[in-house]
Amino acid sequence: MKLITEMVDEVSFIVEKDLKGIKHLFIKGVFMQAEKENRNGRVYPMDTLQNEVTRYIKENVDKSRAYGELGHPEGPTINLDRVSHMIKELKEDGTNFVGKAKILDTPKGEIVKTLLKNGASLGVSSRGMGSLKPKGTVQEVQSDFHLATPADIVADPSAPDAFVDGIMEGKEWIWDNGILREAEIAEYHKSIQQSSKIRLNETKLNAWSDFLSKL
């Protein structure tokens, strides 16, 4: 079995008010798709996803322990210190599985909120374990697939520019647990300002990569 992750960028971040008028941030959209070749050249049979989503809902969503993380962990285990959101809904819609998740007031959840406030574009990625079998030109995910989470929050290719725009405008990128400090922000700012036009994109990407490594 191997770790299987799938990126999806057809999601939106929405704000809803509860009965007390308090605003909450949610992710909503297609989290997983069956019977369709994805960008990684893999296909999930409908019955495989149906069975696993049914199990996941029963064991996790219904018991309020369906979590997702910020970033791309290297294994299938959910790390509670990295949790940024809780999956509240996961429903079948044709060959799609549409989900909804609430951004939590955890350290990683606060990072997500800060990124979005500063214009970052984010997507989601499902994560699980399973075996693959060649089928024509694609790899078919087998029935032993085990879903760890239907949605981790990940950066899309436009994120480095959004990050750079934020630090160049002097916006706040420091969160409560103090992982990223003022000196580091100043260093990012200085390296970008001093970069040549030829190496500007590379410098932006390096700053963004270093930022993500500290999440």
N, C-alpha and C. Protein backbone atom coordinates (compact mmCIF):
# COMPACT_ATOMS: atom_id res chain seq x y z
N MET A 1 0.84 -1.19 0.00
CA MET A 1 0.00 0.00 0.00
C MET A 1 0.88 1.25 0.00
N LYS A 2 0.40 2.33 -0.55
CA LYS A 2 1.16 3.57 -0.61
C LYS A 2 0.28 4.75 -0.23
N LEU A 3 0.94 5.83 0.16
CA LEU A 3 0.21 7.06 0.47
C LEU A 3 -0.30 7.66 -0.83
N ILE A 4 -1.60 7.99 -0.88
CA ILE A 4 -2.21 8.55 -2.08
C ILE A 4 -2.83 9.90 -1.75
N THR A 5 -2.39 10.93 -2.44
CA THR A 5 -2.96 12.27 -2.25
C THR A 5 -3.45 12.81 -3.58
N GLU A 6 -4.54 13.56 -3.55
CA GLU A 6 -5.13 14.12 -4.76
C GLU A 6 -5.50 15.58 -4.54
N MET A 7 -4.96 16.47 -5.34
CA MET A 7 -5.23 17.90 -5.24
C MET A 7 -6.53 18.26 -5.95
N VAL A 8 -7.34 19.10 -5.31
CA VAL A 8 -8.56 19.63 -5.91
C VAL A 8 -8.58 21.14 -5.70
N ASP A 9 -8.83 21.91 -6.76
CA ASP A 9 -8.86 23.36 -6.59
C ASP A 9 -10.25 23.94 -6.84
N GLU A 10 -11.25 23.07 -6.99
CA GLU A 10 -12.62 23.54 -7.22
C GLU A 10 -13.37 23.67 -5.90
N VAL A 11 -12.79 24.42 -4.97
CA VAL A 11 -13.42 24.64 -3.68
C VAL A 11 -13.48 26.14 -3.42
N SER A 12 -14.38 26.51 -2.54
CA SER A 12 -14.51 27.93 -2.19
C SER A 12 -14.48 28.07 -0.68
N PHE A 13 -14.07 29.24 -0.22
CA PHE A 13 -14.08 29.55 1.20
C PHE A 13 -15.21 30.54 1.44
N ILE A 14 -16.14 30.16 2.31
CA ILE A 14 -17.33 30.97 2.55
C ILE A 14 -17.45 31.32 4.03
N VAL A 15 -18.15 32.42 4.29
CA VAL A 15 -18.39 32.86 5.67
C VAL A 15 -19.87 32.70 5.97
N GLU A 16 -20.16 32.06 7.11
CA GLU A 16 -21.54 31.89 7.54
C GLU A 16 -21.69 32.37 8.98
N LYS A 17 -22.88 32.86 9.31
CA LYS A 17 -23.17 33.28 10.67
C LYS A 17 -23.98 32.21 11.39
N ASP A 18 -23.67 31.99 12.66
CA ASP A 18 -24.48 31.05 13.44
C ASP A 18 -25.67 31.78 14.05
N LEU A 19 -26.42 31.10 14.90
CA LEU A 19 -27.63 31.69 15.48
C LEU A 19 -27.33 32.88 16.38
N LYS A 20 -26.09 32.97 16.86
CA LYS A 20 -25.71 34.09 17.72
C LYS A 20 -25.09 35.23 16.91
N GLY A 21 -25.06 35.08 15.58
CA GLY A 21 -24.51 36.12 14.73
C GLY A 21 -23.00 36.08 14.60
N ILE A 22 -22.38 35.02 15.14
CA ILE A 22 -20.92 34.89 15.06
C ILE A 22 -20.54 34.32 13.71
N LYS A 23 -19.54 34.92 13.07
CA LYS A 23 -19.10 34.50 11.75
C LYS A 23 -18.11 33.33 11.84
N HIS A 24 -18.29 32.35 10.94
CA HIS A 24 -17.40 31.21 10.86
C HIS A 24 -16.99 31.01 9.40
N LEU A 25 -15.75 30.58 9.21
CA LEU A 25 -15.21 30.35 7.87
C LEU A 25 -15.27 28.86 7.53
N PHE A 26 -15.73 28.56 6.31
CA PHE A 26 -15.88 27.17 5.87
C PHE A 26 -15.22 26.97 4.50
N ILE A 27 -14.78 25.74 4.25
CA ILE A 27 -14.41 25.29 2.90
C ILE A 27 -15.62 24.52 2.38
N LYS A 28 -15.93 24.70 1.10
CA LYS A 28 -17.04 23.97 0.51
C LYS A 28 -16.74 23.67 -0.95
N GLY A 29 -17.02 22.45 -1.38
CA GLY A 29 -16.80 22.10 -2.78
C GLY A 29 -16.60 20.62 -2.98
N VAL A 30 -16.15 20.25 -4.19
CA VAL A 30 -15.89 18.85 -4.51
C VAL A 30 -14.56 18.46 -3.87
N PHE A 31 -14.61 17.47 -2.98
CA PHE A 31 -13.40 17.01 -2.31
C PHE A 31 -12.78 15.81 -3.04
N MET A 32 -13.62 14.93 -3.61
CA MET A 32 -13.13 13.74 -4.28
C MET A 32 -14.02 13.40 -5.48
N GLN A 33 -13.44 12.72 -6.47
CA GLN A 33 -14.18 12.35 -7.67
C GLN A 33 -13.92 10.89 -8.03
N ALA A 34 -14.96 10.21 -8.48
CA ALA A 34 -14.86 8.81 -8.91
C ALA A 34 -15.04 8.71 -10.41
N GLU A 35 -14.55 7.60 -10.97
CA GLU A 35 -14.74 7.26 -12.39
C GLU A 35 -14.20 8.32 -13.35
N LYS A 36 -13.18 9.04 -12.91
CA LYS A 36 -12.60 10.08 -13.76
C LYS A 36 -11.10 10.15 -13.54
N GLU A 37 -10.34 10.14 -14.61
CA GLU A 37 -8.89 10.24 -14.47
C GLU A 37 -8.53 11.60 -13.90
N ASN A 38 -7.76 11.60 -12.81
CA ASN A 38 -7.36 12.88 -12.22
C ASN A 38 -5.99 13.31 -12.73
N ARG A 39 -5.50 14.43 -12.23
CA ARG A 39 -4.25 15.00 -12.73
C ARG A 39 -3.04 14.12 -12.42
N ASN A 40 -3.21 13.17 -11.51
CA ASN A 40 -2.13 12.24 -11.17
C ASN A 40 -2.20 10.94 -11.96
N GLY A 41 -3.14 10.86 -12.91
CA GLY A 41 -3.26 9.66 -13.73
C GLY A 41 -3.90 8.49 -12.99
N ARG A 42 -4.69 8.79 -11.95
CA ARG A 42 -5.34 7.74 -11.19
C ARG A 42 -6.85 7.83 -11.33
N VAL A 43 -7.51 6.69 -11.15
CA VAL A 43 -8.98 6.62 -11.21
C VAL A 43 -9.48 5.88 -9.98
N TYR A 44 -10.52 6.42 -9.35
CA TYR A 44 -11.17 5.77 -8.22
C TYR A 44 -12.49 5.16 -8.68
N PRO A 45 -12.65 3.83 -8.62
CA PRO A 45 -13.95 3.24 -8.94
C PRO A 45 -15.01 3.76 -7.98
N MET A 46 -16.22 3.92 -8.47
CA MET A 46 -17.29 4.49 -7.65
C MET A 46 -17.55 3.66 -6.40
N ASP A 47 -17.58 2.34 -6.54
CA ASP A 47 -17.90 1.52 -5.37
C ASP A 47 -16.80 1.61 -4.31
N THR A 48 -15.54 1.80 -4.74
CA THR A 48 -14.44 1.94 -3.79
C THR A 48 -14.62 3.20 -2.94
N LEU A 49 -14.93 4.33 -3.60
CA LEU A 49 -15.13 5.57 -2.86
C LEU A 49 -16.40 5.53 -2.03
N GLN A 50 -17.47 4.96 -2.57
CA GLN A 50 -18.72 4.87 -1.82
C GLN A 50 -18.53 4.13 -0.50
N ASN A 51 -17.89 2.97 -0.59
CA ASN A 51 -17.68 2.16 0.61
C ASN A 51 -16.80 2.88 1.63
N GLU A 52 -15.73 3.52 1.15
CA GLU A 52 -14.81 4.16 2.08
C GLU A 52 -15.39 5.45 2.65
N VAL A 53 -16.12 6.21 1.85
CA VAL A 53 -16.75 7.43 2.36
C VAL A 53 -17.82 7.07 3.39
N THR A 54 -18.57 6.01 3.15
CA THR A 54 -19.58 5.56 4.11
C THR A 54 -18.92 5.24 5.46
N ARG A 55 -17.80 4.52 5.40
CA ARG A 55 -17.07 4.19 6.63
C ARG A 55 -16.55 5.45 7.31
N TYR A 56 -15.98 6.35 6.52
CA TYR A 56 -15.39 7.57 7.06
C TYR A 56 -16.45 8.44 7.75
N ILE A 57 -17.61 8.56 7.13
CA ILE A 57 -18.69 9.35 7.73
C ILE A 57 -19.12 8.74 9.07
N LYS A 58 -19.31 7.43 9.08
CA LYS A 58 -19.78 6.75 10.28
C LYS A 58 -18.77 6.83 11.41
N GLU A 59 -17.48 6.64 11.09
CA GLU A 59 -16.46 6.57 12.13
C GLU A 59 -15.86 7.93 12.49
N ASN A 60 -16.01 8.92 11.61
CA ASN A 60 -15.34 10.20 11.84
C ASN A 60 -16.28 11.40 11.83
N VAL A 61 -16.97 11.63 10.70
CA VAL A 61 -17.83 12.81 10.60
C VAL A 61 -18.94 12.78 11.65
N ASP A 62 -19.63 11.64 11.77
CA ASP A 62 -20.75 11.53 12.71
C ASP A 62 -20.30 11.64 14.16
N LYS A 63 -19.02 11.41 14.42
CA LYS A 63 -18.50 11.46 15.79
C LYS A 63 -17.67 12.72 16.04
N SER A 64 -17.76 13.68 15.11
CA SER A 64 -17.06 14.97 15.24
C SER A 64 -15.55 14.79 15.44
N ARG A 65 -14.97 13.85 14.69
CA ARG A 65 -13.52 13.69 14.74
C ARG A 65 -12.93 13.53 13.34
N ALA A 66 -13.58 14.21 12.40
CA ALA A 66 -13.10 14.21 11.01
C ALA A 66 -12.30 15.48 10.77
N TYR A 67 -10.98 15.35 10.79
CA TYR A 67 -10.12 16.52 10.72
C TYR A 67 -9.29 16.57 9.43
N GLY A 68 -8.82 17.76 9.13
CA GLY A 68 -7.87 17.97 8.04
C GLY A 68 -6.76 18.86 8.55
N GLU A 69 -5.61 18.80 7.88
CA GLU A 69 -4.45 19.56 8.31
C GLU A 69 -4.09 20.65 7.30
N LEU A 70 -3.27 21.58 7.75
CA LEU A 70 -2.69 22.58 6.87
C LEU A 70 -1.36 22.04 6.36
N GLY A 71 -1.23 21.95 5.04
CA GLY A 71 -0.01 21.42 4.46
C GLY A 71 -0.16 19.96 4.09
N HIS A 72 0.93 19.36 3.61
CA HIS A 72 0.92 17.99 3.12
C HIS A 72 1.75 17.08 4.02
N PRO A 73 1.13 16.41 4.99
CA PRO A 73 1.88 15.47 5.82
C PRO A 73 2.44 14.32 4.98
N GLU A 74 3.47 13.67 5.49
CA GLU A 74 4.12 12.60 4.75
C GLU A 74 3.52 11.24 5.02
N GLY A 75 2.53 11.15 5.88
CA GLY A 75 1.92 9.87 6.19
C GLY A 75 0.41 10.00 6.36
N PRO A 76 -0.28 8.89 6.62
CA PRO A 76 -1.74 8.91 6.71
C PRO A 76 -2.29 9.33 8.07
N THR A 77 -1.44 9.45 9.07
CA THR A 77 -1.91 9.76 10.42
C THR A 77 -2.31 11.23 10.54
N ILE A 78 -3.43 11.48 11.21
CA ILE A 78 -3.85 12.85 11.49
C ILE A 78 -3.07 13.35 12.70
N ASN A 79 -2.33 14.44 12.52
CA ASN A 79 -1.55 15.05 13.60
C ASN A 79 -2.36 16.18 14.22
N LEU A 80 -2.81 15.98 15.43
CA LEU A 80 -3.71 16.95 16.05
C LEU A 80 -3.08 18.33 16.21
N ASP A 81 -1.76 18.40 16.34
CA ASP A 81 -1.12 19.71 16.48
C ASP A 81 -1.06 20.46 15.16
N ARG A 82 -1.45 19.80 14.05
CA ARG A 82 -1.44 20.46 12.74
C ARG A 82 -2.86 20.65 12.19
N VAL A 83 -3.87 20.27 12.94
CA VAL A 83 -5.25 20.35 12.46
C VAL A 83 -5.67 21.80 12.26
N SER A 84 -6.29 22.08 11.12
CA SER A 84 -6.76 23.44 10.82
C SER A 84 -8.27 23.51 10.63
N HIS A 85 -8.91 22.36 10.40
CA HIS A 85 -10.35 22.39 10.12
C HIS A 85 -10.99 21.04 10.44
N MET A 86 -12.31 21.07 10.57
CA MET A 86 -13.09 19.86 10.84
C MET A 86 -14.10 19.65 9.73
N ILE A 87 -14.14 18.45 9.16
CA ILE A 87 -15.09 18.14 8.10
C ILE A 87 -16.45 17.92 8.73
N LYS A 88 -17.42 18.71 8.28
CA LYS A 88 -18.77 18.66 8.84
C LYS A 88 -19.74 17.88 7.96
N GLU A 89 -19.47 17.87 6.64
CA GLU A 89 -20.36 17.17 5.70
C GLU A 89 -19.54 16.51 4.60
N LEU A 90 -20.02 15.38 4.12
CA LEU A 90 -19.42 14.71 2.96
C LEU A 90 -20.52 13.92 2.30
N LYS A 91 -20.98 14.41 1.13
CA LYS A 91 -22.15 13.84 0.48
C LYS A 91 -21.86 13.44 -0.97
N GLU A 92 -22.51 12.38 -1.40
CA GLU A 92 -22.39 11.91 -2.77
C GLU A 92 -23.25 12.78 -3.69
N ASP A 93 -22.66 13.19 -4.82
CA ASP A 93 -23.38 14.00 -5.80
C ASP A 93 -22.95 13.51 -7.18
N GLY A 94 -23.69 12.56 -7.73
CA GLY A 94 -23.28 11.94 -8.99
C GLY A 94 -22.03 11.11 -8.73
N THR A 95 -20.96 11.40 -9.46
CA THR A 95 -19.69 10.71 -9.22
C THR A 95 -18.74 11.57 -8.38
N ASN A 96 -19.26 12.67 -7.85
CA ASN A 96 -18.47 13.54 -6.98
C ASN A 96 -18.85 13.32 -5.52
N PHE A 97 -17.93 13.69 -4.63
CA PHE A 97 -18.23 13.70 -3.21
C PHE A 97 -17.96 15.12 -2.72
N VAL A 98 -19.04 15.80 -2.39
CA VAL A 98 -18.99 17.21 -2.03
C VAL A 98 -18.89 17.35 -0.51
N GLY A 99 -17.96 18.17 -0.07
CA GLY A 99 -17.74 18.31 1.36
C GLY A 99 -17.85 19.73 1.84
N LYS A 100 -17.95 19.85 3.14
CA LYS A 100 -17.96 21.14 3.80
C LYS A 100 -17.16 21.01 5.10
N ALA A 101 -16.25 21.93 5.34
CA ALA A 101 -15.40 21.87 6.53
C ALA A 101 -15.30 23.24 7.19
N LYS A 102 -15.28 23.23 8.49
CA LYS A 102 -15.19 24.46 9.27
C LYS A 102 -13.75 24.74 9.66
N ILE A 103 -13.28 25.97 9.38
CA ILE A 103 -11.94 26.37 9.80
C ILE A 103 -11.97 26.62 11.31
N LEU A 104 -11.08 25.95 12.02
CA LEU A 104 -11.08 26.01 13.48
C LEU A 104 -10.20 27.14 14.03
N ASP A 105 -10.38 27.44 15.30
CA ASP A 105 -9.57 28.46 15.96
C ASP A 105 -8.30 27.85 16.55
N THR A 106 -7.70 26.94 15.82
CA THR A 106 -6.42 26.34 16.22
C THR A 106 -5.29 27.20 15.64
N PRO A 107 -4.03 26.99 16.07
CA PRO A 107 -2.93 27.74 15.46
C PRO A 107 -2.89 27.62 13.95
N LYS A 108 -3.08 26.40 13.41
CA LYS A 108 -3.05 26.21 11.96
C LYS A 108 -4.29 26.81 11.30
N GLY A 109 -5.42 26.75 11.98
CA GLY A 109 -6.63 27.38 11.45
C GLY A 109 -6.48 28.88 11.35
N GLU A 110 -5.82 29.47 12.34
CA GLU A 110 -5.58 30.92 12.31
C GLU A 110 -4.65 31.29 11.16
N ILE A 111 -3.70 30.41 10.84
CA ILE A 111 -2.82 30.66 9.69
C ILE A 111 -3.64 30.67 8.41
N VAL A 112 -4.56 29.72 8.27
CA VAL A 112 -5.43 29.68 7.09
C VAL A 112 -6.20 30.98 6.95
N LYS A 113 -6.77 31.44 8.05
CA LYS A 113 -7.54 32.68 8.03
C LYS A 113 -6.67 33.86 7.61
N THR A 114 -5.45 33.92 8.13
CA THR A 114 -4.54 35.01 7.79
C THR A 114 -4.15 34.97 6.32
N LEU A 115 -3.86 33.78 5.81
CA LEU A 115 -3.52 33.63 4.40
C LEU A 115 -4.66 34.13 3.51
N LEU A 116 -5.87 33.73 3.83
CA LEU A 116 -7.02 34.12 3.02
C LEU A 116 -7.27 35.62 3.09
N LYS A 117 -7.12 36.20 4.27
CA LYS A 117 -7.32 37.64 4.42
C LYS A 117 -6.33 38.43 3.58
N ASN A 118 -5.16 37.84 3.33
CA ASN A 118 -4.13 38.50 2.56
C ASN A 118 -4.15 38.09 1.09
N GLY A 119 -5.20 37.42 0.66
CA GLY A 119 -5.40 37.14 -0.75
C GLY A 119 -4.81 35.86 -1.27
N ALA A 120 -4.37 34.95 -0.41
CA ALA A 120 -3.79 33.69 -0.88
C ALA A 120 -4.87 32.81 -1.51
N SER A 121 -4.48 32.05 -2.53
CA SER A 121 -5.37 31.08 -3.16
C SER A 121 -5.01 29.70 -2.63
N LEU A 122 -5.98 29.02 -2.04
CA LEU A 122 -5.74 27.72 -1.44
C LEU A 122 -6.64 26.66 -2.06
N GLY A 123 -6.20 25.43 -2.00
CA GLY A 123 -7.00 24.31 -2.49
C GLY A 123 -7.06 23.24 -1.43
N VAL A 124 -7.62 22.08 -1.76
CA VAL A 124 -7.66 20.97 -0.81
C VAL A 124 -7.09 19.73 -1.47
N SER A 125 -6.66 18.79 -0.63
CA SER A 125 -6.09 17.55 -1.12
C SER A 125 -6.56 16.41 -0.23
N SER A 126 -7.13 15.36 -0.84
CA SER A 126 -7.50 14.19 -0.07
C SER A 126 -6.25 13.38 0.24
N ARG A 127 -6.31 12.55 1.29
CA ARG A 127 -5.15 11.76 1.70
C ARG A 127 -5.60 10.40 2.20
N GLY A 128 -4.96 9.35 1.72
CA GLY A 128 -5.31 8.01 2.16
C GLY A 128 -4.24 7.01 1.79
N MET A 129 -4.48 5.77 2.15
CA MET A 129 -3.56 4.68 1.84
C MET A 129 -4.29 3.65 0.99
N GLY A 130 -3.57 3.08 0.03
CA GLY A 130 -4.18 2.05 -0.80
C GLY A 130 -3.20 1.52 -1.82
N SER A 131 -3.61 0.49 -2.51
CA SER A 131 -2.78 -0.08 -3.57
C SER A 131 -3.33 0.34 -4.93
N LEU A 132 -2.47 0.30 -5.93
CA LEU A 132 -2.81 0.71 -7.29
C LEU A 132 -2.60 -0.46 -8.25
N LYS A 133 -3.41 -0.47 -9.30
CA LYS A 133 -3.29 -1.51 -10.32
C LYS A 133 -3.40 -0.86 -11.69
N PRO A 134 -2.45 -1.12 -12.59
CA PRO A 134 -2.52 -0.54 -13.93
C PRO A 134 -3.80 -0.97 -14.65
N LYS A 135 -4.44 -0.01 -15.29
CA LYS A 135 -5.64 -0.30 -16.08
C LYS A 135 -5.59 0.60 -17.31
N GLY A 136 -5.10 0.04 -18.42
CA GLY A 136 -4.90 0.85 -19.62
C GLY A 136 -3.81 1.87 -19.37
N THR A 137 -4.15 3.13 -19.58
CA THR A 137 -3.16 4.21 -19.41
C THR A 137 -3.20 4.84 -18.03
N VAL A 138 -4.04 4.32 -17.14
CA VAL A 138 -4.18 4.92 -15.81
C VAL A 138 -3.87 3.90 -14.72
N GLN A 139 -3.79 4.40 -13.48
CA GLN A 139 -3.64 3.54 -12.30
C GLN A 139 -4.97 3.53 -11.56
N GLU A 140 -5.52 2.36 -11.34
CA GLU A 140 -6.80 2.25 -10.65
C GLU A 140 -6.57 2.00 -9.16
N VAL A 141 -7.22 2.81 -8.34
CA VAL A 141 -7.14 2.65 -6.89
C VAL A 141 -7.97 1.43 -6.49
N GLN A 142 -7.39 0.56 -5.69
CA GLN A 142 -8.03 -0.70 -5.35
C GLN A 142 -8.94 -0.60 -4.12
N SER A 143 -9.67 -1.67 -3.87
CA SER A 143 -10.70 -1.67 -2.83
C SER A 143 -10.14 -1.62 -1.41
N ASP A 144 -8.81 -1.77 -1.27
CA ASP A 144 -8.22 -1.66 0.07
C ASP A 144 -7.95 -0.21 0.46
N PHE A 145 -8.39 0.74 -0.35
CA PHE A 145 -8.16 2.17 -0.08
C PHE A 145 -8.76 2.55 1.26
N HIS A 146 -7.97 3.26 2.08
CA HIS A 146 -8.40 3.74 3.39
C HIS A 146 -8.23 5.25 3.44
N LEU A 147 -9.32 5.96 3.61
CA LEU A 147 -9.30 7.42 3.60
C LEU A 147 -8.87 7.97 4.96
N ALA A 148 -7.82 8.78 4.96
CA ALA A 148 -7.37 9.44 6.19
C ALA A 148 -8.12 10.75 6.38
N THR A 149 -8.24 11.53 5.31
CA THR A 149 -9.04 12.75 5.32
C THR A 149 -9.40 13.12 3.88
N PRO A 150 -10.60 13.60 3.64
CA PRO A 150 -10.96 14.03 2.29
C PRO A 150 -10.42 15.41 1.95
N ALA A 151 -9.84 16.11 2.94
CA ALA A 151 -9.43 17.49 2.65
C ALA A 151 -8.37 18.01 3.61
N ASP A 152 -7.11 18.01 3.15
CA ASP A 152 -6.07 18.83 3.76
C ASP A 152 -6.06 20.15 2.99
N ILE A 153 -5.69 21.24 3.63
CA ILE A 153 -5.59 22.52 2.94
C ILE A 153 -4.17 22.71 2.44
N VAL A 154 -4.06 22.98 1.14
CA VAL A 154 -2.74 23.11 0.51
C VAL A 154 -2.68 24.38 -0.33
N ALA A 155 -1.47 24.81 -0.62
CA ALA A 155 -1.26 26.00 -1.43
C ALA A 155 -1.32 25.64 -2.90
N ASP A 156 -1.85 26.55 -3.71
CA ASP A 156 -1.81 26.33 -5.15
C ASP A 156 -0.69 27.20 -5.74
N PRO A 157 -0.40 27.07 -7.04
CA PRO A 157 0.75 27.77 -7.61
C PRO A 157 0.74 29.29 -7.47
N SER A 158 -0.42 29.90 -7.26
CA SER A 158 -0.47 31.36 -7.16
C SER A 158 -0.10 31.85 -5.76
N ALA A 159 0.04 30.93 -4.82
CA ALA A 159 0.27 31.32 -3.43
C ALA A 159 1.55 32.12 -3.20
N PRO A 160 2.69 31.81 -3.85
CA PRO A 160 3.89 32.62 -3.58
C PRO A 160 3.68 34.10 -3.82
N ASP A 161 2.99 34.47 -4.91
CA ASP A 161 2.76 35.88 -5.19
C ASP A 161 1.84 36.51 -4.14
N ALA A 162 0.82 35.75 -3.71
CA ALA A 162 -0.08 36.28 -2.69
C ALA A 162 0.68 36.52 -1.39
N PHE A 163 1.58 35.60 -1.06
CA PHE A 163 2.39 35.74 0.14
C PHE A 163 3.30 36.96 0.04
N VAL A 164 3.96 37.10 -1.10
CA VAL A 164 4.87 38.22 -1.31
C VAL A 164 4.13 39.55 -1.24
N ASP A 165 2.94 39.61 -1.87
CA ASP A 165 2.14 40.83 -1.81
C ASP A 165 1.85 41.21 -0.36
N GLY A 166 1.56 40.19 0.46
CA GLY A 166 1.25 40.44 1.86
C GLY A 166 2.42 41.03 2.62
N ILE A 167 3.61 40.46 2.46
CA ILE A 167 4.74 40.97 3.24
C ILE A 167 5.24 42.31 2.70
N MET A 168 5.10 42.54 1.38
CA MET A 168 5.55 43.81 0.81
C MET A 168 4.63 44.95 1.23
N GLU A 169 3.38 44.62 1.55
CA GLU A 169 2.43 45.64 1.99
C GLU A 169 2.46 45.82 3.51
N GLY A 170 3.35 45.08 4.15
CA GLY A 170 3.50 45.23 5.59
C GLY A 170 2.36 44.63 6.38
N LYS A 171 1.66 43.66 5.83
CA LYS A 171 0.55 43.04 6.55
C LYS A 171 1.06 42.08 7.61
N GLU A 172 0.19 41.71 8.52
CA GLU A 172 0.56 40.89 9.67
C GLU A 172 0.65 39.42 9.29
N TRP A 173 1.82 38.82 9.47
CA TRP A 173 2.02 37.41 9.17
C TRP A 173 2.54 36.67 10.40
N ILE A 174 2.30 37.21 11.57
CA ILE A 174 2.80 36.59 12.80
C ILE A 174 1.61 36.06 13.60
N TRP A 175 1.68 34.78 14.00
CA TRP A 175 0.56 34.21 14.71
C TRP A 175 0.92 33.92 16.16
N ASP A 176 -0.08 33.56 16.95
CA ASP A 176 0.04 33.52 18.40
C ASP A 176 1.14 32.61 18.92
N ASN A 177 1.37 31.47 18.27
CA ASN A 177 2.38 30.57 18.81
C ASN A 177 3.80 30.99 18.43
N GLY A 178 3.95 32.10 17.73
CA GLY A 178 5.25 32.70 17.49
C GLY A 178 6.19 31.94 16.60
N ILE A 179 5.68 31.07 15.73
CA ILE A 179 6.55 30.30 14.85
C ILE A 179 7.28 31.23 13.89
N LEU A 180 6.56 32.17 13.32
CA LEU A 180 7.16 33.10 12.37
C LEU A 180 7.32 34.46 13.05
N ARG A 181 8.54 34.96 13.09
CA ARG A 181 8.81 36.16 13.85
C ARG A 181 9.14 37.35 12.94
N GLU A 182 9.15 38.53 13.54
CA GLU A 182 9.36 39.76 12.78
C GLU A 182 10.67 39.74 12.02
N ALA A 183 11.72 39.17 12.62
CA ALA A 183 13.04 39.14 11.97
C ALA A 183 12.98 38.33 10.68
N GLU A 184 12.20 37.23 10.70
CA GLU A 184 12.09 36.39 9.51
C GLU A 184 11.32 37.11 8.40
N ILE A 185 10.26 37.81 8.78
CA ILE A 185 9.50 38.59 7.81
C ILE A 185 10.39 39.67 7.19
N ALA A 186 11.19 40.33 8.01
CA ALA A 186 12.09 41.36 7.51
C ALA A 186 13.10 40.76 6.53
N GLU A 187 13.56 39.55 6.81
CA GLU A 187 14.53 38.90 5.94
C GLU A 187 13.91 38.55 4.59
N TYR A 188 12.67 38.05 4.60
CA TYR A 188 11.95 37.79 3.34
C TYR A 188 11.83 39.08 2.53
N HIS A 189 11.40 40.13 3.21
CA HIS A 189 11.19 41.42 2.57
C HIS A 189 12.48 41.93 1.93
N LYS A 190 13.60 41.83 2.67
CA LYS A 190 14.89 42.31 2.19
C LYS A 190 15.36 41.51 0.98
N SER A 191 15.24 40.18 1.03
CA SER A 191 15.72 39.35 -0.08
C SER A 191 14.93 39.62 -1.36
N ILE A 192 13.64 39.89 -1.23
CA ILE A 192 12.81 40.16 -2.41
C ILE A 192 13.14 41.54 -2.99
N GLN A 193 13.31 42.52 -2.12
CA GLN A 193 13.64 43.86 -2.58
C GLN A 193 14.99 43.91 -3.31
N GLN A 194 15.94 43.11 -2.85
CA GLN A 194 17.29 43.14 -3.41
C GLN A 194 17.47 42.17 -4.58
N SER A 195 16.45 41.39 -4.88
CA SER A 195 16.57 40.41 -5.95
C SER A 195 16.59 41.08 -7.32
N SER A 196 17.36 40.51 -8.24
CA SER A 196 17.35 41.01 -9.62
C SER A 196 16.07 40.56 -10.31
N LYS A 197 15.69 41.24 -11.39
CA LYS A 197 14.48 40.88 -12.12
C LYS A 197 14.55 39.45 -12.64
N ILE A 198 15.74 39.04 -13.02
CA ILE A 198 15.92 37.69 -13.58
C ILE A 198 15.62 36.62 -12.54
N ARG A 199 15.98 36.90 -11.30
CA ARG A 199 15.83 35.89 -10.24
C ARG A 199 14.66 36.17 -9.31
N LEU A 200 13.81 37.16 -9.67
CA LEU A 200 12.73 37.56 -8.78
C LEU A 200 11.76 36.42 -8.48
N ASN A 201 11.31 35.72 -9.53
CA ASN A 201 10.37 34.62 -9.32
C ASN A 201 10.96 33.52 -8.46
N GLU A 202 12.25 33.23 -8.69
CA GLU A 202 12.93 32.21 -7.88
C GLU A 202 13.01 32.65 -6.42
N THR A 203 13.29 33.93 -6.20
CA THR A 203 13.38 34.46 -4.83
C THR A 203 12.03 34.39 -4.13
N LYS A 204 10.97 34.74 -4.86
CA LYS A 204 9.61 34.64 -4.30
C LYS A 204 9.30 33.21 -3.89
N LEU A 205 9.60 32.28 -4.78
CA LEU A 205 9.30 30.87 -4.53
C LEU A 205 10.09 30.36 -3.33
N ASN A 206 11.35 30.77 -3.23
CA ASN A 206 12.18 30.35 -2.09
C ASN A 206 11.62 30.88 -0.78
N ALA A 207 11.17 32.14 -0.80
CA ALA A 207 10.59 32.72 0.41
C ALA A 207 9.32 31.99 0.81
N TRP A 208 8.49 31.69 -0.18
CA TRP A 208 7.24 30.96 0.08
C TRP A 208 7.52 29.57 0.61
N SER A 209 8.48 28.87 0.01
CA SER A 209 8.82 27.51 0.44
C SER A 209 9.34 27.51 1.87
N ASP A 210 10.15 28.51 2.20
CA ASP A 210 10.68 28.60 3.55
C ASP A 210 9.56 28.89 4.54
N PHE A 211 8.63 29.75 4.13
CA PHE A 211 7.45 30.06 4.96
C PHE A 211 6.64 28.80 5.24
N LEU A 212 6.38 27.99 4.19
CA LEU A 212 5.59 26.77 4.37
C LEU A 212 6.30 25.78 5.28
N SER A 213 7.62 25.73 5.21
CA SER A 213 8.37 24.78 6.02
C SER A 213 8.24 25.07 7.51
N LYS A 214 7.84 26.29 7.85
CA LYS A 214 7.71 26.68 9.25
C LYS A 214 6.29 26.51 9.76
N LEU A 215 5.37 26.09 8.89
CA LEU A 215 3.98 25.93 9.32
C LEU A 215 3.83 24.72 10.22
